[in-house]
Structures are given as C-alpha cells and as structure tokens.
Amino acid sequence: VKNKEYLKYLESIKKDSVKQVYDAALPDPGKAPFEGYFTNKK
C-alpha cells in the first residue's frame, strides 16, 4: 500500500468520522524513514 493510497483513506476518515477515529488511523511519524515521508509528494 503506497503512501498516497493510505492518504486517501485518511482523507475519507477525516471527512466521515470523529477526530478520535482519524487520529487513531494516523501512521506513527517516529517510524518514518525520512522527514516528510507521509506528506511529501516525492
């Protein structure tokens, strides 16, 4: 599953769910191999 695919999921949850559900779906930024790994288009 690519970052962009998981981001679509997060966008859907953010739109359709409560904040706690969205927050629980966020990836752990401490596990990212690079800064901006989840948000940088590259």
PDB file of all heavy atoms in Angstrom:
ATOM      1  N   VAL A   1       0.873  -1.169   0.000  1.00  0.00           N
ATOM      2  CA  VAL A   1       0.000   0.000   0.000  1.00  0.00           C
ATOM      3  C   VAL A   1       0.908   1.217   0.000  1.00  0.00           C
ATOM      4  O   VAL A   1       1.797   1.355   0.841  1.00  0.00           O
ATOM      5  CB  VAL A   1      -0.921   0.002   1.240  1.00  0.00           C
ATOM      6  CG1 VAL A   1      -1.732   1.280   1.297  1.00  0.00           C
ATOM      7  CG2 VAL A   1      -1.822  -1.220   1.220  1.00  0.00           C
ATOM      8  N   LYS A   2       0.690   2.087  -0.963  1.00  0.00           N
ATOM      9  CA  LYS A   2       1.516   3.286  -1.102  1.00  0.00           C
ATOM     10  C   LYS A   2       1.005   4.387  -0.175  1.00  0.00           C
ATOM     11  O   LYS A   2      -0.173   4.410   0.204  1.00  0.00           O
ATOM     12  CB  LYS A   2       1.476   3.782  -2.541  1.00  0.00           C
ATOM     13  CG  LYS A   2       2.060   2.794  -3.522  1.00  0.00           C
ATOM     14  CD  LYS A   2       1.906   3.313  -4.930  1.00  0.00           C
ATOM     15  CE  LYS A   2       2.427   2.293  -5.929  1.00  0.00           C
ATOM     16  NZ  LYS A   2       2.247   2.761  -7.311  1.00  0.00           N
ATOM     17  N   ASN A   3       1.906   5.312   0.145  1.00  0.00           N
ATOM     18  CA  ASN A   3       1.529   6.454   0.982  1.00  0.00           C
ATOM     19  C   ASN A   3       0.312   7.171   0.421  1.00  0.00           C
ATOM     20  O   ASN A   3      -0.601   7.528   1.155  1.00  0.00           O
ATOM     21  CB  ASN A   3       2.696   7.439   1.122  1.00  0.00           C
ATOM     22  CG  ASN A   3       3.730   6.970   2.111  1.00  0.00           C
ATOM     23  OD1 ASN A   3       3.420   6.330   3.098  1.00  0.00           O
ATOM     24  ND2 ASN A   3       4.977   7.288   1.831  1.00  0.00           N
ATOM     25  N   LYS A   4       0.286   7.406  -0.899  1.00  0.00           N
ATOM     26  CA  LYS A   4      -0.835   8.136  -1.494  1.00  0.00           C
ATOM     27  C   LYS A   4      -2.151   7.377  -1.336  1.00  0.00           C
ATOM     28  O   LYS A   4      -3.208   7.983  -1.185  1.00  0.00           O
ATOM     29  CB  LYS A   4      -0.561   8.479  -2.952  1.00  0.00           C
ATOM     30  CG  LYS A   4      -0.474   7.313  -3.895  1.00  0.00           C
ATOM     31  CD  LYS A   4      -0.133   7.789  -5.305  1.00  0.00           C
ATOM     32  CE  LYS A   4       0.121   6.628  -6.237  1.00  0.00           C
ATOM     33  NZ  LYS A   4       0.608   7.113  -7.536  1.00  0.00           N
ATOM     34  N   GLU A   5      -2.111   6.058  -1.329  1.00  0.00           N
ATOM     35  CA  GLU A   5      -3.327   5.273  -1.137  1.00  0.00           C
ATOM     36  C   GLU A   5      -3.799   5.367   0.311  1.00  0.00           C
ATOM     37  O   GLU A   5      -5.004   5.494   0.574  1.00  0.00           O
ATOM     38  CB  GLU A   5      -3.076   3.820  -1.534  1.00  0.00           C
ATOM     39  CG  GLU A   5      -2.779   3.667  -3.013  1.00  0.00           C
ATOM     40  CD  GLU A   5      -2.156   2.339  -3.400  1.00  0.00           C
ATOM     41  OE1 GLU A   5      -1.520   1.678  -2.548  1.00  0.00           O
ATOM     42  OE2 GLU A   5      -2.298   1.975  -4.576  1.00  0.00           O
ATOM     43  N   TYR A   6      -2.867   5.325   1.235  1.00  0.00           N
ATOM     44  CA  TYR A   6      -3.241   5.436   2.647  1.00  0.00           C
ATOM     45  C   TYR A   6      -3.745   6.850   2.944  1.00  0.00           C
ATOM     46  O   TYR A   6      -4.660   7.030   3.754  1.00  0.00           O
ATOM     47  CB  TYR A   6      -2.062   5.063   3.558  1.00  0.00           C
ATOM     48  CG  TYR A   6      -2.503   4.737   4.963  1.00  0.00           C
ATOM     49  CD1 TYR A   6      -3.021   3.492   5.278  1.00  0.00           C
ATOM     50  CD2 TYR A   6      -2.417   5.679   5.980  1.00  0.00           C
ATOM     51  CE1 TYR A   6      -3.448   3.178   6.567  1.00  0.00           C
ATOM     52  CE2 TYR A   6      -2.833   5.380   7.277  1.00  0.00           C
ATOM     53  CZ  TYR A   6      -3.350   4.129   7.557  1.00  0.00           C
ATOM     54  OH  TYR A   6      -3.778   3.846   8.838  1.00  0.00           O
ATOM     55  N   LEU A   7      -3.189   7.846   2.270  1.00  0.00           N
ATOM     56  CA  LEU A   7      -3.654   9.227   2.467  1.00  0.00           C
ATOM     57  C   LEU A   7      -5.100   9.398   2.007  1.00  0.00           C
ATOM     58  O   LEU A   7      -5.865  10.140   2.625  1.00  0.00           O
ATOM     59  CB  LEU A   7      -2.734  10.213   1.758  1.00  0.00           C
ATOM     60  CG  LEU A   7      -1.387  10.434   2.428  1.00  0.00           C
ATOM     61  CD1 LEU A   7      -0.470  11.281   1.542  1.00  0.00           C
ATOM     62  CD2 LEU A   7      -1.544  11.086   3.789  1.00  0.00           C
ATOM     63  N   LYS A   8      -5.497   8.702   0.939  1.00  0.00           N
ATOM     64  CA  LYS A   8      -6.908   8.733   0.505  1.00  0.00           C
ATOM     65  C   LYS A   8      -7.804   8.185   1.609  1.00  0.00           C
ATOM     66  O   LYS A   8      -8.884   8.706   1.868  1.00  0.00           O
ATOM     67  CB  LYS A   8      -7.098   7.914  -0.773  1.00  0.00           C
ATOM     68  CG  LYS A   8      -6.562   8.565  -1.997  1.00  0.00           C
ATOM     69  CD  LYS A   8      -6.806   7.671  -3.201  1.00  0.00           C
ATOM     70  CE  LYS A   8      -6.094   8.196  -4.428  1.00  0.00           C
ATOM     71  NZ  LYS A   8      -6.234   7.308  -5.583  1.00  0.00           N
ATOM     72  N   TYR A   9      -7.341   7.106   2.240  1.00  0.00           N
ATOM     73  CA  TYR A   9      -8.071   6.516   3.362  1.00  0.00           C
ATOM     74  C   TYR A   9      -8.201   7.528   4.500  1.00  0.00           C
ATOM     75  O   TYR A   9      -9.285   7.732   5.040  1.00  0.00           O
ATOM     76  CB  TYR A   9      -7.333   5.251   3.800  1.00  0.00           C
ATOM     77  CG  TYR A   9      -7.718   4.667   5.124  1.00  0.00           C
ATOM     78  CD1 TYR A   9      -9.006   4.207   5.374  1.00  0.00           C
ATOM     79  CD2 TYR A   9      -6.774   4.527   6.144  1.00  0.00           C
ATOM     80  CE1 TYR A   9      -9.345   3.639   6.593  1.00  0.00           C
ATOM     81  CE2 TYR A   9      -7.102   3.953   7.352  1.00  0.00           C
ATOM     82  CZ  TYR A   9      -8.392   3.518   7.579  1.00  0.00           C
ATOM     83  OH  TYR A   9      -8.714   2.956   8.784  1.00  0.00           O
ATOM     84  N   LEU A  10      -7.100   8.185   4.838  1.00  0.00           N
ATOM     85  CA  LEU A  10      -7.127   9.181   5.917  1.00  0.00           C
ATOM     86  C   LEU A  10      -8.069  10.331   5.591  1.00  0.00           C
ATOM     87  O   LEU A  10      -8.801  10.809   6.464  1.00  0.00           O
ATOM     88  CB  LEU A  10      -5.717   9.708   6.199  1.00  0.00           C
ATOM     89  CG  LEU A  10      -4.751   8.720   6.846  1.00  0.00           C
ATOM     90  CD1 LEU A  10      -3.357   9.340   6.943  1.00  0.00           C
ATOM     91  CD2 LEU A  10      -5.242   8.271   8.208  1.00  0.00           C
ATOM     92  N   GLU A  11      -8.056  10.780   4.338  1.00  0.00           N
ATOM     93  CA  GLU A  11      -8.960  11.857   3.924  1.00  0.00           C
ATOM     94  C   GLU A  11     -10.414  11.432   4.097  1.00  0.00           C
ATOM     95  O   GLU A  11     -11.247  12.214   4.554  1.00  0.00           O
ATOM     96  CB  GLU A  11      -8.699  12.246   2.475  1.00  0.00           C
ATOM     97  CG  GLU A  11      -7.400  12.969   2.263  1.00  0.00           C
ATOM     98  CD  GLU A  11      -7.031  13.114   0.791  1.00  0.00           C
ATOM     99  OE1 GLU A  11      -7.841  12.750  -0.099  1.00  0.00           O
ATOM    100  OE2 GLU A  11      -5.907  13.585   0.526  1.00  0.00           O
ATOM    101  N   SER A  12     -10.719  10.192   3.730  1.00  0.00           N
ATOM    102  CA  SER A  12     -12.073   9.670   3.867  1.00  0.00           C
ATOM    103  C   SER A  12     -12.491   9.605   5.333  1.00  0.00           C
ATOM    104  O   SER A  12     -13.604   9.996   5.697  1.00  0.00           O
ATOM    105  CB  SER A  12     -12.156   8.279   3.232  1.00  0.00           C
ATOM    106  OG  SER A  12     -13.417   7.707   3.441  1.00  0.00           O
ATOM    107  N   ILE A  13     -11.593   9.130   6.182  1.00  0.00           N
ATOM    108  CA  ILE A  13     -11.891   9.042   7.613  1.00  0.00           C
ATOM    109  C   ILE A  13     -12.085  10.432   8.205  1.00  0.00           C
ATOM    110  O   ILE A  13     -13.001  10.662   8.988  1.00  0.00           O
ATOM    111  CB  ILE A  13     -10.761   8.308   8.364  1.00  0.00           C
ATOM    112  CG1 ILE A  13     -10.779   6.843   8.017  1.00  0.00           C
ATOM    113  CG2 ILE A  13     -10.908   8.472   9.868  1.00  0.00           C
ATOM    114  CD1 ILE A  13      -9.682   6.070   8.681  1.00  0.00           C
ATOM    115  N   LYS A  14     -11.234  11.341   7.826  1.00  0.00           N
ATOM    116  CA  LYS A  14     -11.322  12.710   8.363  1.00  0.00           C
ATOM    117  C   LYS A  14     -12.666  13.329   8.009  1.00  0.00           C
ATOM    118  O   LYS A  14     -13.265  14.031   8.819  1.00  0.00           O
ATOM    119  CB  LYS A  14     -10.180  13.557   7.818  1.00  0.00           C
ATOM    120  CG  LYS A  14     -10.043  14.880   8.507  1.00  0.00           C
ATOM    121  CD  LYS A  14      -8.772  15.581   8.068  1.00  0.00           C
ATOM    122  CE  LYS A  14      -8.521  16.794   8.949  1.00  0.00           C
ATOM    123  NZ  LYS A  14      -7.240  17.414   8.629  1.00  0.00           N
ATOM    124  N   LYS A  15     -13.150  13.031   6.808  1.00  0.00           N
ATOM    125  CA  LYS A  15     -14.421  13.585   6.337  1.00  0.00           C
ATOM    126  C   LYS A  15     -15.619  12.903   6.998  1.00  0.00           C
ATOM    127  O   LYS A  15     -16.603  13.555   7.329  1.00  0.00           O
ATOM    128  CB  LYS A  15     -14.494  13.441   4.821  1.00  0.00           C
ATOM    129  CG  LYS A  15     -15.702  14.054   4.186  1.00  0.00           C
ATOM    130  CD  LYS A  15     -15.657  13.921   2.685  1.00  0.00           C
ATOM    131  CE  LYS A  15     -16.244  12.586   2.320  1.00  0.00           C
ATOM    132  NZ  LYS A  15     -16.451  12.344   0.915  1.00  0.00           N
ATOM    133  N   ASP A  16     -15.525  11.595   7.204  1.00  0.00           N
ATOM    134  CA  ASP A  16     -16.691  10.804   7.615  1.00  0.00           C
ATOM    135  C   ASP A  16     -16.701  10.342   9.061  1.00  0.00           C
ATOM    136  O   ASP A  16     -17.656   9.698   9.482  1.00  0.00           O
ATOM    137  CB  ASP A  16     -16.814   9.568   6.720  1.00  0.00           C
ATOM    138  CG  ASP A  16     -17.058   9.922   5.263  1.00  0.00           C
ATOM    139  OD1 ASP A  16     -17.588  11.015   5.000  1.00  0.00           O
ATOM    140  OD2 ASP A  16     -16.700   9.117   4.395  1.00  0.00           O
ATOM    141  N   SER A  17     -15.644  10.611   9.832  1.00  0.00           N
ATOM    142  CA  SER A  17     -15.556  10.073  11.197  1.00  0.00           C
ATOM    143  C   SER A  17     -15.230  11.162  12.209  1.00  0.00           C
ATOM    144  O   SER A  17     -14.911  12.288  11.840  1.00  0.00           O
ATOM    145  CB  SER A  17     -14.464   8.991  11.263  1.00  0.00           C
ATOM    146  OG  SER A  17     -14.751   7.940  10.387  1.00  0.00           O
ATOM    147  N   VAL A  18     -15.251  10.776  13.459  1.00  0.00           N
ATOM    148  CA  VAL A  18     -14.879  11.705  14.525  1.00  0.00           C
ATOM    149  C   VAL A  18     -13.363  11.797  14.612  1.00  0.00           C
ATOM    150  O   VAL A  18     -12.635  10.927  14.124  1.00  0.00           O
ATOM    151  CB  VAL A  18     -15.474  11.274  15.887  1.00  0.00           C
ATOM    152  CG1 VAL A  18     -16.991  11.334  15.849  1.00  0.00           C
ATOM    153  CG2 VAL A  18     -14.999   9.905  16.287  1.00  0.00           C
ATOM    154  N   LYS A  19     -12.878  12.838  15.244  1.00  0.00           N
ATOM    155  CA  LYS A  19     -11.443  13.110  15.329  1.00  0.00           C
ATOM    156  C   LYS A  19     -10.671  11.948  15.946  1.00  0.00           C
ATOM    157  O   LYS A  19      -9.573  11.625  15.497  1.00  0.00           O
ATOM    158  CB  LYS A  19     -11.201  14.392  16.125  1.00  0.00           C
ATOM    159  CG  LYS A  19      -9.735  14.800  16.177  1.00  0.00           C
ATOM    160  CD  LYS A  19      -9.557  16.102  16.914  1.00  0.00           C
ATOM    161  CE  LYS A  19      -8.145  16.590  17.022  1.00  0.00           C
ATOM    162  NZ  LYS A  19      -7.046  15.729  16.785  1.00  0.00           N
ATOM    163  N   GLN A  20     -11.220  11.296  16.953  1.00  0.00           N
ATOM    164  CA  GLN A  20     -10.513  10.187  17.605  1.00  0.00           C
ATOM    165  C   GLN A  20     -10.260   9.029  16.640  1.00  0.00           C
ATOM    166  O   GLN A  20      -9.207   8.390  16.699  1.00  0.00           O
ATOM    167  CB  GLN A  20     -11.298   9.674  18.826  1.00  0.00           C
ATOM    168  CG  GLN A  20     -11.402  10.651  19.961  1.00  0.00           C
ATOM    169  CD  GLN A  20     -12.610  11.581  19.835  1.00  0.00           C
ATOM    170  OE1 GLN A  20     -13.214  11.723  18.773  1.00  0.00           O
ATOM    171  NE2 GLN A  20     -12.953  12.243  20.922  1.00  0.00           N
ATOM    172  N   VAL A  21     -11.209   8.763  15.762  1.00  0.00           N
ATOM    173  CA  VAL A  21     -11.039   7.685  14.780  1.00  0.00           C
ATOM    174  C   VAL A  21      -9.944   8.072  13.789  1.00  0.00           C
ATOM    175  O   VAL A  21      -9.073   7.264  13.451  1.00  0.00           O
ATOM    176  CB  VAL A  21     -12.371   7.384  14.054  1.00  0.00           C
ATOM    177  CG1 VAL A  21     -12.170   6.403  12.911  1.00  0.00           C
ATOM    178  CG2 VAL A  21     -13.409   6.863  15.035  1.00  0.00           C
ATOM    179  N   TYR A  22      -9.969   9.317  13.337  1.00  0.00           N
ATOM    180  CA  TYR A  22      -8.934   9.805  12.419  1.00  0.00           C
ATOM    181  C   TYR A  22      -7.557   9.748  13.075  1.00  0.00           C
ATOM    182  O   TYR A  22      -6.610   9.230  12.482  1.00  0.00           O
ATOM    183  CB  TYR A  22      -9.264  11.234  11.975  1.00  0.00           C
ATOM    184  CG  TYR A  22      -8.170  11.879  11.168  1.00  0.00           C
ATOM    185  CD1 TYR A  22      -7.980  11.544   9.826  1.00  0.00           C
ATOM    186  CD2 TYR A  22      -7.315  12.820  11.737  1.00  0.00           C
ATOM    187  CE1 TYR A  22      -6.965  12.126   9.086  1.00  0.00           C
ATOM    188  CE2 TYR A  22      -6.300  13.407  11.002  1.00  0.00           C
ATOM    189  CZ  TYR A  22      -6.140  13.058   9.674  1.00  0.00           C
ATOM    190  OH  TYR A  22      -5.128  13.635   8.943  1.00  0.00           O
ATOM    191  N   ASP A  23      -7.464  10.261  14.288  1.00  0.00           N
ATOM    192  CA  ASP A  23      -6.180  10.262  14.995  1.00  0.00           C
ATOM    193  C   ASP A  23      -5.637   8.847  15.184  1.00  0.00           C
ATOM    194  O   ASP A  23      -4.433   8.617  15.076  1.00  0.00           O
ATOM    195  CB  ASP A  23      -6.304  10.964  16.350  1.00  0.00           C
ATOM    196  CG  ASP A  23      -6.476  12.469  16.225  1.00  0.00           C
ATOM    197  OD1 ASP A  23      -6.252  13.029  15.125  1.00  0.00           O
ATOM    198  OD2 ASP A  23      -6.854  13.100  17.234  1.00  0.00           O
ATOM    199  N   ALA A  24      -6.535   7.898  15.442  1.00  0.00           N
ATOM    200  CA  ALA A  24      -6.116   6.504  15.650  1.00  0.00           C
ATOM    201  C   ALA A  24      -5.609   5.862  14.357  1.00  0.00           C
ATOM    202  O   ALA A  24      -4.868   4.885  14.410  1.00  0.00           O
ATOM    203  CB  ALA A  24      -7.275   5.690  16.217  1.00  0.00           C
ATOM    204  N   ALA A  25      -5.977   6.415  13.213  1.00  0.00           N
ATOM    205  CA  ALA A  25      -5.559   5.854  11.925  1.00  0.00           C
ATOM    206  C   ALA A  25      -4.237   6.430  11.423  1.00  0.00           C
ATOM    207  O   ALA A  25      -3.646   5.896  10.488  1.00  0.00           O
ATOM    208  CB  ALA A  25      -6.642   6.091  10.882  1.00  0.00           C
ATOM    209  N   LEU A  26      -3.764   7.503  12.040  1.00  0.00           N
ATOM    210  CA  LEU A  26      -2.534   8.144  11.576  1.00  0.00           C
ATOM    211  C   LEU A  26      -1.317   7.240  11.786  1.00  0.00           C
ATOM    212  O   LEU A  26      -1.188   6.607  12.831  1.00  0.00           O
ATOM    213  CB  LEU A  26      -2.309   9.462  12.321  1.00  0.00           C
ATOM    214  CG  LEU A  26      -3.291  10.583  12.014  1.00  0.00           C
ATOM    215  CD1 LEU A  26      -3.070  11.757  12.969  1.00  0.00           C
ATOM    216  CD2 LEU A  26      -3.156  11.032  10.572  1.00  0.00           C
ATOM    217  N   PRO A  27      -0.417   7.208  10.805  1.00  0.00           N
ATOM    218  CA  PRO A  27       0.819   6.434  10.993  1.00  0.00           C
ATOM    219  C   PRO A  27       1.712   7.078  12.046  1.00  0.00           C
ATOM    220  O   PRO A  27       1.619   8.277  12.306  1.00  0.00           O
ATOM    221  CB  PRO A  27       1.496   6.474   9.618  1.00  0.00           C
ATOM    222  CG  PRO A  27       0.706   7.378   8.767  1.00  0.00           C
ATOM    223  CD  PRO A  27      -0.511   7.811   9.504  1.00  0.00           C
ATOM    224  N   ASP A  28       2.561   6.287  12.636  1.00  0.00           N
ATOM    225  CA  ASP A  28       3.498   6.761  13.651  1.00  0.00           C
ATOM    226  C   ASP A  28       4.638   7.509  12.961  1.00  0.00           C
ATOM    227  O   ASP A  28       5.442   6.890  12.252  1.00  0.00           O
ATOM    228  CB  ASP A  28       4.045   5.564  14.431  1.00  0.00           C
ATOM    229  CG  ASP A  28       5.032   5.932  15.516  1.00  0.00           C
ATOM    230  OD1 ASP A  28       5.436   7.107  15.604  1.00  0.00           O
ATOM    231  OD2 ASP A  28       5.407   5.030  16.274  1.00  0.00           O
ATOM    232  N   PRO A  29       4.732   8.838  13.143  1.00  0.00           N
ATOM    233  CA  PRO A  29       5.790   9.597  12.466  1.00  0.00           C
ATOM    234  C   PRO A  29       7.189   9.183  12.904  1.00  0.00           C
ATOM    235  O   PRO A  29       8.156   9.374  12.158  1.00  0.00           O
ATOM    236  CB  PRO A  29       5.495  11.048  12.827  1.00  0.00           C
ATOM    237  CG  PRO A  29       4.595  11.006  14.001  1.00  0.00           C
ATOM    238  CD  PRO A  29       3.892   9.681  13.976  1.00  0.00           C
ATOM    239  N   GLY A  30       7.328   8.590  14.074  1.00  0.00           N
ATOM    240  CA  GLY A  30       8.622   8.119  14.547  1.00  0.00           C
ATOM    241  C   GLY A  30       9.160   6.938  13.756  1.00  0.00           C
ATOM    242  O   GLY A  30      10.338   6.609  13.837  1.00  0.00           O
ATOM    243  N   LYS A  31       8.289   6.279  12.983  1.00  0.00           N
ATOM    244  CA  LYS A  31       8.701   5.127  12.177  1.00  0.00           C
ATOM    245  C   LYS A  31       9.033   5.518  10.732  1.00  0.00           C
ATOM    246  O   LYS A  31       9.432   4.686   9.940  1.00  0.00           O
ATOM    247  CB  LYS A  31       7.592   4.084  12.155  1.00  0.00           C
ATOM    248  CG  LYS A  31       7.129   3.631  13.523  1.00  0.00           C
ATOM    249  CD  LYS A  31       7.795   2.363  13.924  1.00  0.00           C
ATOM    250  CE  LYS A  31       7.408   2.040  15.350  1.00  0.00           C
ATOM    251  NZ  LYS A  31       7.011   0.739  15.601  1.00  0.00           N
ATOM    252  N   ALA A  32       8.845   6.790  10.394  1.00  0.00           N
ATOM    253  CA  ALA A  32       9.122   7.250   9.032  1.00  0.00           C
ATOM    254  C   ALA A  32      10.626   7.281   8.784  1.00  0.00           C
ATOM    255  O   ALA A  32      11.380   7.768   9.617  1.00  0.00           O
ATOM    256  CB  ALA A  32       8.525   8.637   8.820  1.00  0.00           C
ATOM    257  N   PRO A  33      11.071   6.767   7.642  1.00  0.00           N
ATOM    258  CA  PRO A  33      12.499   6.751   7.353  1.00  0.00           C
ATOM    259  C   PRO A  33      13.072   8.118   6.974  1.00  0.00           C
ATOM    260  O   PRO A  33      14.266   8.333   7.066  1.00  0.00           O
ATOM    261  CB  PRO A  33      12.621   5.769   6.185  1.00  0.00           C
ATOM    262  CG  PRO A  33      11.279   5.744   5.561  1.00  0.00           C
ATOM    263  CD  PRO A  33      10.292   6.058   6.642  1.00  0.00           C
ATOM    264  N   PHE A  34      12.199   9.029   6.546  1.00  0.00           N
ATOM    265  CA  PHE A  34      12.630  10.362   6.129  1.00  0.00           C
ATOM    266  C   PHE A  34      11.651  11.398   6.660  1.00  0.00           C
ATOM    267  O   PHE A  34      10.460  11.115   6.806  1.00  0.00           O
ATOM    268  CB  PHE A  34      12.646  10.506   4.596  1.00  0.00           C
ATOM    269  CG  PHE A  34      13.260   9.359   3.864  1.00  0.00           C
ATOM    270  CD1 PHE A  34      12.486   8.481   3.128  1.00  0.00           C
ATOM    271  CD2 PHE A  34      14.636   9.155   3.889  1.00  0.00           C
ATOM    272  CE1 PHE A  34      13.045   7.424   2.437  1.00  0.00           C
ATOM    273  CE2 PHE A  34      15.210   8.104   3.200  1.00  0.00           C
ATOM    274  CZ  PHE A  34      14.418   7.232   2.472  1.00  0.00           C
ATOM    275  N   GLU A  35      12.128  12.603   6.900  1.00  0.00           N
ATOM    276  CA  GLU A  35      11.242  13.701   7.284  1.00  0.00           C
ATOM    277  C   GLU A  35      10.299  13.983   6.111  1.00  0.00           C
ATOM    278  O   GLU A  35      10.718  14.003   4.953  1.00  0.00           O
ATOM    279  CB  GLU A  35      12.053  14.947   7.607  1.00  0.00           C
ATOM    280  CG  GLU A  35      11.194  16.046   8.203  1.00  0.00           C
ATOM    281  CD  GLU A  35      12.020  17.193   8.754  1.00  0.00           C
ATOM    282  OE1 GLU A  35      13.144  16.951   9.218  1.00  0.00           O
ATOM    283  OE2 GLU A  35      11.513  18.318   8.702  1.00  0.00           O
ATOM    284  N   GLY A  36       9.037  14.166   6.410  1.00  0.00           N
ATOM    285  CA  GLY A  36       8.038  14.424   5.380  1.00  0.00           C
ATOM    286  C   GLY A  36       7.620  13.192   4.595  1.00  0.00           C
ATOM    287  O   GLY A  36       6.954  13.302   3.573  1.00  0.00           O
ATOM    288  N   TYR A  37       7.982  12.022   5.084  1.00  0.00           N
ATOM    289  CA  TYR A  37       7.714  10.767   4.363  1.00  0.00           C
ATOM    290  C   TYR A  37       6.232  10.577   4.047  1.00  0.00           C
ATOM    291  O   TYR A  37       5.884  10.072   2.983  1.00  0.00           O
ATOM    292  CB  TYR A  37       8.237   9.581   5.178  1.00  0.00           C
ATOM    293  CG  TYR A  37       8.122   8.249   4.482  1.00  0.00           C
ATOM    294  CD1 TYR A  37       9.027   7.888   3.489  1.00  0.00           C
ATOM    295  CD2 TYR A  37       7.123   7.341   4.810  1.00  0.00           C
ATOM    296  CE1 TYR A  37       8.945   6.668   2.844  1.00  0.00           C
ATOM    297  CE2 TYR A  37       7.031   6.117   4.169  1.00  0.00           C
ATOM    298  CZ  TYR A  37       7.938   5.784   3.180  1.00  0.00           C
ATOM    299  OH  TYR A  37       7.855   4.576   2.542  1.00  0.00           O
ATOM    300  N   PHE A  38       5.367  10.961   4.966  1.00  0.00           N
ATOM    301  CA  PHE A  38       3.932  10.735   4.765  1.00  0.00           C
ATOM    302  C   PHE A  38       3.261  11.856   3.985  1.00  0.00           C
ATOM    303  O   PHE A  38       2.172  11.662   3.460  1.00  0.00           O
ATOM    304  CB  PHE A  38       3.223  10.561   6.112  1.00  0.00           C
ATOM    305  CG  PHE A  38       3.759   9.412   6.914  1.00  0.00           C
ATOM    306  CD1 PHE A  38       4.348   9.621   8.142  1.00  0.00           C
ATOM    307  CD2 PHE A  38       3.690   8.110   6.446  1.00  0.00           C
ATOM    308  CE1 PHE A  38       4.856   8.567   8.888  1.00  0.00           C
ATOM    309  CE2 PHE A  38       4.194   7.048   7.177  1.00  0.00           C
ATOM    310  CZ  PHE A  38       4.774   7.278   8.400  1.00  0.00           C
ATOM    311  N   THR A  39       3.875  13.017   3.906  1.00  0.00           N
ATOM    312  CA  THR A  39       3.207  14.177   3.323  1.00  0.00           C
ATOM    313  C   THR A  39       3.893  14.749   2.087  1.00  0.00           C
ATOM    314  O   THR A  39       3.259  15.466   1.325  1.00  0.00           O
ATOM    315  CB  THR A  39       3.079  15.295   4.368  1.00  0.00           C
ATOM    316  OG1 THR A  39       4.383  15.594   4.880  1.00  0.00           O
ATOM    317  CG2 THR A  39       2.168  14.858   5.519  1.00  0.00           C
ATOM    318  N   ASN A  40       5.153  14.448   1.864  1.00  0.00           N
ATOM    319  CA  ASN A  40       5.871  14.993   0.714  1.00  0.00           C
ATOM    320  C   ASN A  40       5.543  14.158  -0.529  1.00  0.00           C
ATOM    321  O   ASN A  40       5.688  12.944  -0.529  1.00  0.00           O
ATOM    322  CB  ASN A  40       7.382  14.970   0.988  1.00  0.00           C
ATOM    323  CG  ASN A  40       8.170  15.700  -0.066  1.00  0.00           C
ATOM    324  OD1 ASN A  40       7.879  15.619  -1.258  1.00  0.00           O
ATOM    325  ND2 ASN A  40       9.185  16.420   0.375  1.00  0.00           N
ATOM    326  N   LYS A  41       5.128  14.844  -1.594  1.00  0.00           N
ATOM    327  CA  LYS A  41       4.709  14.137  -2.809  1.00  0.00           C
ATOM    328  C   LYS A  41       5.796  13.238  -3.399  1.00  0.00           C
ATOM    329  O   LYS A  41       5.488  12.260  -4.060  1.00  0.00           O
ATOM    330  CB  LYS A  41       4.236  15.137  -3.863  1.00  0.00           C
ATOM    331  CG  LYS A  41       2.901  15.729  -3.537  1.00  0.00           C
ATOM    332  CD  LYS A  41       2.413  16.609  -4.656  1.00  0.00           C
ATOM    333  CE  LYS A  41       1.045  17.152  -4.263  1.00  0.00           C
ATOM    334  NZ  LYS A  41       0.443  17.917  -5.340  1.00  0.00           N
ATOM    335  N   LYS A  42       7.061  13.564  -3.149  1.00  0.00           N
ATOM    336  CA  LYS A  42       8.105  12.720  -3.732  1.00  0.00           C
ATOM    337  C   LYS A  42       8.127  11.322  -3.112  1.00  0.00           C
ATOM    338  O   LYS A  42       8.717  10.406  -3.667  1.00  0.00           O
ATOM    339  CB  LYS A  42       9.475  13.386  -3.649  1.00  0.00           C
ATOM    340  CG  LYS A  42      10.087  13.503  -2.285  1.00  0.00           C
ATOM    341  CD  LYS A  42      11.437  14.203  -2.399  1.00  0.00           C
ATOM    342  CE  LYS A  42      12.089  14.366  -1.046  1.00  0.00           C
ATOM    343  NZ  LYS A  42      13.380  15.048  -1.151  1.00  0.00           N
TER     344      LYS A  42
END
